[in-house]
Amino acid sequence: MEYKATSSVNLLVTIVILFVTSFVLASTVVESAYIPSPSEDRQVQKCASEIGETCGNSIFHYVFGAGKHVSKECCTILLNAGERCHDLLTTVTIRIEHFSEQRAKEIRRKNDKVWEFCKRRGQISPSPSEDYQVQKCASEIGETCGNSIFHYVFGAGKHVSKECCTILLNAGERCHDLLTTVTIRVEHFPEQQAKEIRRKNEKVWEFCKRRGQISN
């Protein structure tokens, strides 16, 4: 939603422009009978200012249009603005545009969906101690073998060399599991795909246990 409104009139005009330019839905606008109260209008402006134009457009496209993605940066901005701001901007837009009840229901569902999505994204960053451990594990495995193991676990890789197996075993199962778990969280894989990734994670570990020997 265009969150950079400067008045109730400007908010309506901006929303109309977004609908016309982004979705080409109409060329004629019927004046809305709904006008936000002065206190509501001030809150709308405050929320719009906190979220900003770029992220406001991205969130608007997700909630009201065909958008499928909101960046982590925009999620962080939205979470900092708060759920109350998010709901207010959506509710005011619904009222101004006089959406049908069925359409409004779908918009509110997407409004809740993007908030929950951003909440999950906001919680995926490793803690400082976990981040330190991730960096340590990645350093121990190294870029070449890390890429090979990653391609096996997350992609279509079918082979990990004996040398990389030895390096992985020396790093330890805890490192192996941690790197996979953090990647699943950061990339927000759906549960079914995450389950398959964990299966391959265990498969490559067992393969390397059979193939390599831990160095003394």
C-alpha atoms as a PDB file:
ATOM      1  CA  MET A   1       0.000   0.000   0.000  1.00  0.00           C
ATOM      2  CA  GLU A   2       1.246   3.497  -0.751  1.00  0.00           C
ATOM      3  CA  TYR A   3       2.070   4.376   2.835  1.00  0.00           C
ATOM      4  CA  LYS A   4       3.387   7.832   2.076  1.00  0.00           C
ATOM      5  CA  ALA A   5       0.096   9.696   2.292  1.00  0.00           C
ATOM      6  CA  THR A   6       0.114  13.313   3.464  1.00  0.00           C
ATOM      7  CA  SER A   7      -3.636  13.698   3.978  1.00  0.00           C
ATOM      8  CA  SER A   8      -6.775  11.650   3.593  1.00  0.00           C
ATOM      9  CA  VAL A   9      -7.253  13.096   0.108  1.00  0.00           C
ATOM     10  CA  ASN A  10      -3.675  12.432  -0.879  1.00  0.00           C
ATOM     11  CA  LEU A  11      -3.945   8.909   0.517  1.00  0.00           C
ATOM     12  CA  LEU A  12      -6.932   8.239  -1.723  1.00  0.00           C
ATOM     13  CA  VAL A  13      -5.269   9.804  -4.765  1.00  0.00           C
ATOM     14  CA  THR A  14      -2.100   7.794  -4.207  1.00  0.00           C
ATOM     15  CA  ILE A  15      -4.026   4.545  -3.819  1.00  0.00           C
ATOM     16  CA  VAL A  16      -5.897   5.275  -7.036  1.00  0.00           C
ATOM     17  CA  ILE A  17      -2.648   5.996  -8.885  1.00  0.00           C
ATOM     18  CA  LEU A  18      -1.174   2.735  -7.630  1.00  0.00           C
ATOM     19  CA  PHE A  19      -4.215   0.802  -8.762  1.00  0.00           C
ATOM     20  CA  VAL A  20      -4.133   2.417 -12.195  1.00  0.00           C
ATOM     21  CA  THR A  21      -0.403   2.211 -12.838  1.00  0.00           C
ATOM     22  CA  SER A  22       0.348  -1.083 -11.110  1.00  0.00           C
ATOM     23  CA  PHE A  23      -2.764  -3.100 -11.853  1.00  0.00           C
ATOM     24  CA  VAL A  24      -4.516  -1.126 -14.628  1.00  0.00           C
ATOM     25  CA  LEU A  25      -7.836  -1.684 -12.938  1.00  0.00           C
ATOM     26  CA  ALA A  26      -9.632   1.566 -13.792  1.00  0.00           C
ATOM     27  CA  SER A  27      -9.310   4.955 -15.429  1.00  0.00           C
ATOM     28  CA  THR A  28     -12.178   6.659 -13.624  1.00  0.00           C
ATOM     29  CA  VAL A  29     -12.327   7.062  -9.851  1.00  0.00           C
ATOM     30  CA  VAL A  30     -15.540   7.438  -7.885  1.00  0.00           C
ATOM     31  CA  GLU A  31     -15.085   9.728  -4.912  1.00  0.00           C
ATOM     32  CA  SER A  32     -15.190   7.821  -1.623  1.00  0.00           C
ATOM     33  CA  ALA A  33     -17.706   8.705   1.067  1.00  0.00           C
ATOM     34  CA  TYR A  34     -15.280   7.576   3.770  1.00  0.00           C
ATOM     35  CA  ILE A  35     -12.931  10.184   5.230  1.00  0.00           C
ATOM     36  CA  PRO A  36     -10.582   9.212   8.070  1.00  0.00           C
ATOM     37  CA  SER A  37     -10.991  11.177  11.293  1.00  0.00           C
ATOM     38  CA  PRO A  38      -8.213  13.724  12.085  1.00  0.00           C
ATOM     39  CA  SER A  39      -6.660  11.412  14.707  1.00  0.00           C
ATOM     40  CA  GLU A  40      -6.866   8.405  12.356  1.00  0.00           C
ATOM     41  CA  ASP A  41      -5.415  10.471   9.544  1.00  0.00           C
ATOM     42  CA  ARG A  42      -2.465  11.495  11.731  1.00  0.00           C
ATOM     43  CA  GLN A  43      -1.864   7.845  12.617  1.00  0.00           C
ATOM     44  CA  VAL A  44      -2.041   6.861   8.948  1.00  0.00           C
ATOM     45  CA  GLN A  45       0.561   9.502   8.090  1.00  0.00           C
ATOM     46  CA  LYS A  46       2.804   8.375  10.953  1.00  0.00           C
ATOM     47  CA  CYS A  47       2.586   4.722   9.903  1.00  0.00           C
ATOM     48  CA  ALA A  48       3.147   5.643   6.261  1.00  0.00           C
ATOM     49  CA  SER A  49       6.243   7.618   7.175  1.00  0.00           C
ATOM     50  CA  GLU A  50       7.673   4.770   9.273  1.00  0.00           C
ATOM     51  CA  ILE A  51       7.233   2.179   6.524  1.00  0.00           C
ATOM     52  CA  GLY A  52       8.253   4.415   3.626  1.00  0.00           C
ATOM     53  CA  GLU A  53       7.435   4.441  -0.058  1.00  0.00           C
ATOM     54  CA  THR A  54       9.539   1.529  -1.347  1.00  0.00           C
ATOM     55  CA  CYS A  55       8.470  -1.022   1.251  1.00  0.00           C
ATOM     56  CA  GLY A  56       4.956   0.422   1.287  1.00  0.00           C
ATOM     57  CA  ASN A  57       4.621  -0.313  -2.416  1.00  0.00           C
ATOM     58  CA  SER A  58       5.981  -3.836  -1.940  1.00  0.00           C
ATOM     59  CA  ILE A  59       3.556  -4.601   0.896  1.00  0.00           C
ATOM     60  CA  PHE A  60       0.660  -2.982  -0.993  1.00  0.00           C
ATOM     61  CA  HIS A  61       1.356  -5.186  -4.014  1.00  0.00           C
ATOM     62  CA  TYR A  62       1.335  -8.280  -1.770  1.00  0.00           C
ATOM     63  CA  VAL A  63      -1.846  -7.412   0.149  1.00  0.00           C
ATOM     64  CA  PHE A  64      -3.931  -5.822  -2.613  1.00  0.00           C
ATOM     65  CA  GLY A  65      -2.397  -7.224  -5.776  1.00  0.00           C
ATOM     66  CA  ALA A  66      -0.507 -10.229  -7.093  1.00  0.00           C
ATOM     67  CA  GLY A  67       2.717  -9.772  -5.133  1.00  0.00           C
ATOM     68  CA  LYS A  68       4.294 -12.970  -3.828  1.00  0.00           C
ATOM     69  CA  HIS A  69       7.328 -11.665  -1.965  1.00  0.00           C
ATOM     70  CA  VAL A  70       8.313  -9.077   0.643  1.00  0.00           C
ATOM     71  CA  SER A  71      12.031  -8.654   1.248  1.00  0.00           C
ATOM     72  CA  LYS A  72      13.649  -9.292   4.605  1.00  0.00           C
ATOM     73  CA  GLU A  73      14.526  -5.592   4.832  1.00  0.00           C
ATOM     74  CA  CYS A  74      10.902  -4.574   4.272  1.00  0.00           C
ATOM     75  CA  CYS A  75       9.752  -7.206   6.759  1.00  0.00           C
ATOM     76  CA  THR A  76      12.053  -5.685   9.367  1.00  0.00           C
ATOM     77  CA  ILE A  77      10.660  -2.205   8.672  1.00  0.00           C
ATOM     78  CA  LEU A  78       7.089  -3.504   8.869  1.00  0.00           C
ATOM     79  CA  LEU A  79       7.730  -5.303  12.165  1.00  0.00           C
ATOM     80  CA  ASN A  80       9.295  -2.167  13.616  1.00  0.00           C
ATOM     81  CA  ALA A  81       6.252  -0.130  12.579  1.00  0.00           C
ATOM     82  CA  GLY A  82       4.050  -2.672  14.350  1.00  0.00           C
ATOM     83  CA  GLU A  83       0.984  -4.782  13.644  1.00  0.00           C
ATOM     84  CA  ARG A  84      -1.339  -1.909  14.573  1.00  0.00           C
ATOM     85  CA  CYS A  85       0.115   0.241  11.778  1.00  0.00           C
ATOM     86  CA  HIS A  86      -0.052  -2.636   9.320  1.00  0.00           C
ATOM     87  CA  ASP A  87      -3.711  -3.335  10.105  1.00  0.00           C
ATOM     88  CA  LEU A  88      -4.661   0.351  10.130  1.00  0.00           C
ATOM     89  CA  LEU A  89      -3.259   1.066   6.666  1.00  0.00           C
ATOM     90  CA  THR A  90      -5.029  -1.962   5.228  1.00  0.00           C
ATOM     91  CA  THR A  91      -8.328  -1.172   6.968  1.00  0.00           C
ATOM     92  CA  VAL A  92      -8.350   2.480   5.865  1.00  0.00           C
ATOM     93  CA  THR A  93      -7.617   1.473   2.268  1.00  0.00           C
ATOM     94  CA  ILE A  94     -10.464  -1.068   2.322  1.00  0.00           C
ATOM     95  CA  ARG A  95     -12.867   1.612   3.599  1.00  0.00           C
ATOM     96  CA  ILE A  96     -11.764   4.251   1.115  1.00  0.00           C
ATOM     97  CA  GLU A  97     -11.986   1.917  -1.855  1.00  0.00           C
ATOM     98  CA  HIS A  98     -15.320   0.340  -0.758  1.00  0.00           C
ATOM     99  CA  PHE A  99     -14.245  -3.198  -1.586  1.00  0.00           C
ATOM    100  CA  SER A 100     -16.943  -5.848  -1.507  1.00  0.00           C
ATOM    101  CA  GLU A 101     -17.108  -7.934   1.661  1.00  0.00           C
ATOM    102  CA  GLN A 102     -15.730 -10.973  -0.157  1.00  0.00           C
ATOM    103  CA  ARG A 103     -12.815  -8.964  -1.575  1.00  0.00           C
ATOM    104  CA  ALA A 104     -12.196  -7.288   1.797  1.00  0.00           C
ATOM    105  CA  LYS A 105     -12.098 -10.695   3.474  1.00  0.00           C
ATOM    106  CA  GLU A 106      -9.420 -11.890   1.039  1.00  0.00           C
ATOM    107  CA  ILE A 107      -7.423  -8.680   1.555  1.00  0.00           C
ATOM    108  CA  ARG A 108      -7.511  -9.109   5.335  1.00  0.00           C
ATOM    109  CA  ARG A 109      -6.382 -12.723   4.931  1.00  0.00           C
ATOM    110  CA  LYS A 110      -3.387 -11.585   2.876  1.00  0.00           C
ATOM    111  CA  ASN A 111      -2.761  -8.772   5.344  1.00  0.00           C
ATOM    112  CA  ASP A 112      -2.482 -11.360   8.143  1.00  0.00           C
ATOM    113  CA  LYS A 113      -0.438 -13.668   5.924  1.00  0.00           C
ATOM    114  CA  VAL A 114       2.261 -11.088   5.166  1.00  0.00           C
ATOM    115  CA  TRP A 115       2.464 -10.147   8.858  1.00  0.00           C
ATOM    116  CA  GLU A 116       2.956 -13.777   9.919  1.00  0.00           C
ATOM    117  CA  PHE A 117       5.463 -14.269   7.103  1.00  0.00           C
ATOM    118  CA  CYS A 118       7.442 -11.244   8.286  1.00  0.00           C
ATOM    119  CA  LYS A 119       7.276 -12.378  11.903  1.00  0.00           C
ATOM    120  CA  ARG A 120       8.868 -15.673  10.895  1.00  0.00           C
ATOM    121  CA  ARG A 121      11.502 -13.895   8.827  1.00  0.00           C
ATOM    122  CA  GLY A 122      12.240 -11.614  11.743  1.00  0.00           C
ATOM    123  CA  GLN A 123      12.894 -14.620  13.950  1.00  0.00           C
ATOM    124  CA  ILE A 124      15.213 -16.530  11.646  1.00  0.00           C
ATOM    125  CA  SER A 125      18.438 -14.647  12.306  1.00  0.00           C
ATOM    126  CA  PRO A 126      20.863 -16.752  14.321  1.00  0.00           C
ATOM    127  CA  SER A 127      21.628 -15.584  17.851  1.00  0.00           C
ATOM    128  CA  PRO A 128      25.129 -14.120  18.356  1.00  0.00           C
ATOM    129  CA  SER A 129      26.384 -17.391  19.850  1.00  0.00           C
ATOM    130  CA  GLU A 130      24.736 -19.452  17.121  1.00  0.00           C
ATOM    131  CA  ASP A 131      26.084 -17.111  14.431  1.00  0.00           C
ATOM    132  CA  TYR A 132      29.591 -17.529  15.858  1.00  0.00           C
ATOM    133  CA  GLN A 133      29.201 -21.311  15.756  1.00  0.00           C
ATOM    134  CA  VAL A 134      27.897 -21.199  12.181  1.00  0.00           C
ATOM    135  CA  GLN A 135      30.915 -19.173  11.061  1.00  0.00           C
ATOM    136  CA  LYS A 136      33.270 -21.525  12.904  1.00  0.00           C
ATOM    137  CA  CYS A 137      31.683 -24.602  11.313  1.00  0.00           C
ATOM    138  CA  ALA A 138      31.698 -23.029   7.847  1.00  0.00           C
ATOM    139  CA  SER A 139      35.361 -22.132   8.268  1.00  0.00           C
ATOM    140  CA  GLU A 140      36.264 -25.683   9.317  1.00  0.00           C
ATOM    141  CA  ILE A 141      34.515 -27.239   6.323  1.00  0.00           C
ATOM    142  CA  GLY A 142      35.734 -24.634   3.841  1.00  0.00           C
ATOM    143  CA  GLU A 143      34.239 -23.227   0.676  1.00  0.00           C
ATOM    144  CA  THR A 144      34.993 -26.071  -1.750  1.00  0.00           C
ATOM    145  CA  CYS A 145      33.694 -28.909   0.407  1.00  0.00           C
ATOM    146  CA  GLY A 146      30.933 -26.682   1.787  1.00  0.00           C
ATOM    147  CA  ASN A 147      29.629 -26.123  -1.737  1.00  0.00           C
ATOM    148  CA  SER A 148      29.855 -29.835  -2.516  1.00  0.00           C
ATOM    149  CA  ILE A 149      27.922 -30.832   0.619  1.00  0.00           C
ATOM    150  CA  PHE A 150      25.408 -28.021   0.134  1.00  0.00           C
ATOM    151  CA  HIS A 151      24.734 -29.175  -3.435  1.00  0.00           C
ATOM    152  CA  TYR A 152      24.151 -32.719  -2.148  1.00  0.00           C
ATOM    153  CA  VAL A 153      21.825 -31.706   0.709  1.00  0.00           C
ATOM    154  CA  PHE A 154      19.930 -28.822  -0.931  1.00  0.00           C
ATOM    155  CA  GLY A 155      20.321 -29.507  -4.623  1.00  0.00           C
ATOM    156  CA  ALA A 156      20.788 -32.342  -7.074  1.00  0.00           C
ATOM    157  CA  GLY A 157      24.291 -33.387  -6.038  1.00  0.00           C
ATOM    158  CA  LYS A 158      24.949 -37.125  -5.947  1.00  0.00           C
ATOM    159  CA  HIS A 159      28.552 -37.290  -4.776  1.00  0.00           C
ATOM    160  CA  VAL A 160      30.800 -36.016  -1.986  1.00  0.00           C
ATOM    161  CA  SER A 161      34.499 -36.814  -2.300  1.00  0.00           C
ATOM    162  CA  LYS A 162      36.418 -38.830   0.275  1.00  0.00           C
ATOM    163  CA  GLU A 163      38.477 -35.744   1.095  1.00  0.00           C
ATOM    164  CA  CYS A 164      35.350 -33.677   1.770  1.00  0.00           C
ATOM    165  CA  CYS A 165      33.856 -36.519   3.808  1.00  0.00           C
ATOM    166  CA  THR A 166      36.953 -36.522   5.997  1.00  0.00           C
ATOM    167  CA  ILE A 167      36.712 -32.761   6.472  1.00  0.00           C
ATOM    168  CA  LEU A 168      33.012 -33.030   7.311  1.00  0.00           C
ATOM    169  CA  LEU A 169      33.612 -35.792   9.851  1.00  0.00           C
ATOM    170  CA  ASN A 170      36.374 -33.785  11.490  1.00  0.00           C
ATOM    171  CA  ALA A 171      34.042 -30.784  11.773  1.00  0.00           C
ATOM    172  CA  GLY A 172      31.516 -33.054  13.466  1.00  0.00           C
ATOM    173  CA  GLU A 173      27.871 -34.009  13.170  1.00  0.00           C
ATOM    174  CA  ARG A 174      26.817 -31.051  15.299  1.00  0.00           C
ATOM    175  CA  CYS A 175      28.356 -28.647  12.765  1.00  0.00           C
ATOM    176  CA  HIS A 176      26.786 -30.520   9.877  1.00  0.00           C
ATOM    177  CA  ASP A 177      23.315 -30.425  11.445  1.00  0.00           C
ATOM    178  CA  LEU A 178      23.651 -26.787  12.532  1.00  0.00           C
ATOM    179  CA  LEU A 179      24.544 -25.525   9.046  1.00  0.00           C
ATOM    180  CA  THR A 180      21.613 -27.401   7.530  1.00  0.00           C
ATOM    181  CA  THR A 181      19.141 -26.302  10.213  1.00  0.00           C
ATOM    182  CA  VAL A 182      20.110 -22.622   9.972  1.00  0.00           C
ATOM    183  CA  THR A 183      19.877 -22.700   6.175  1.00  0.00           C
ATOM    184  CA  ILE A 184      16.383 -24.217   6.354  1.00  0.00           C
ATOM    185  CA  ARG A 185      15.297 -21.444   8.727  1.00  0.00           C
ATOM    186  CA  VAL A 186      16.905 -18.608   6.779  1.00  0.00           C
ATOM    187  CA  GLU A 187      15.528 -19.788   3.434  1.00  0.00           C
ATOM    188  CA  HIS A 188      12.121 -20.563   4.964  1.00  0.00           C
ATOM    189  CA  PHE A 189      11.638 -23.878   3.178  1.00  0.00           C
ATOM    190  CA  PRO A 190       8.146 -25.402   3.437  1.00  0.00           C
ATOM    191  CA  GLU A 191       7.868 -28.300   5.884  1.00  0.00           C
ATOM    192  CA  GLN A 192       7.707 -31.006   3.217  1.00  0.00           C
ATOM    193  CA  GLN A 193      10.844 -29.730   1.501  1.00  0.00           C
ATOM    194  CA  ALA A 194      12.597 -29.242   4.861  1.00  0.00           C
ATOM    195  CA  LYS A 195      11.824 -32.857   5.722  1.00  0.00           C
ATOM    196  CA  GLU A 196      13.473 -34.032   2.494  1.00  0.00           C
ATOM    197  CA  ILE A 197      16.494 -31.789   3.156  1.00  0.00           C
ATOM    198  CA  ARG A 198      16.934 -33.255   6.647  1.00  0.00           C
ATOM    199  CA  ARG A 199      16.734 -36.753   5.165  1.00  0.00           C
ATOM    200  CA  LYS A 200      19.526 -35.927   2.704  1.00  0.00           C
ATOM    201  CA  ASN A 201      21.491 -34.260   5.495  1.00  0.00           C
ATOM    202  CA  GLU A 202      21.453 -37.550   7.437  1.00  0.00           C
ATOM    203  CA  LYS A 203      22.165 -39.522   4.264  1.00  0.00           C
ATOM    204  CA  VAL A 204      25.360 -37.619   3.441  1.00  0.00           C
ATOM    205  CA  TRP A 205      26.565 -37.932   7.046  1.00  0.00           C
ATOM    206  CA  GLU A 206      26.041 -41.698   7.069  1.00  0.00           C
ATOM    207  CA  PHE A 207      27.672 -41.942   3.642  1.00  0.00           C
ATOM    208  CA  CYS A 208      30.711 -40.034   4.880  1.00  0.00           C
ATOM    209  CA  LYS A 209      30.923 -42.110   8.073  1.00  0.00           C
ATOM    210  CA  ARG A 210      31.194 -45.230   5.946  1.00  0.00           C
ATOM    211  CA  ARG A 211      33.623 -43.685   3.514  1.00  0.00           C
ATOM    212  CA  GLY A 212      35.946 -41.527   5.608  1.00  0.00           C
ATOM    213  CA  GLN A 213      37.967 -41.810   8.752  1.00  0.00           C
ATOM    214  CA  ILE A 214      38.260 -39.080  11.379  1.00  0.00           C
ATOM    215  CA  SER A 215      41.812 -37.787  11.480  1.00  0.00           C
ATOM    216  CA  ASN A 216      43.708 -38.145  14.747  1.00  0.00           C
END
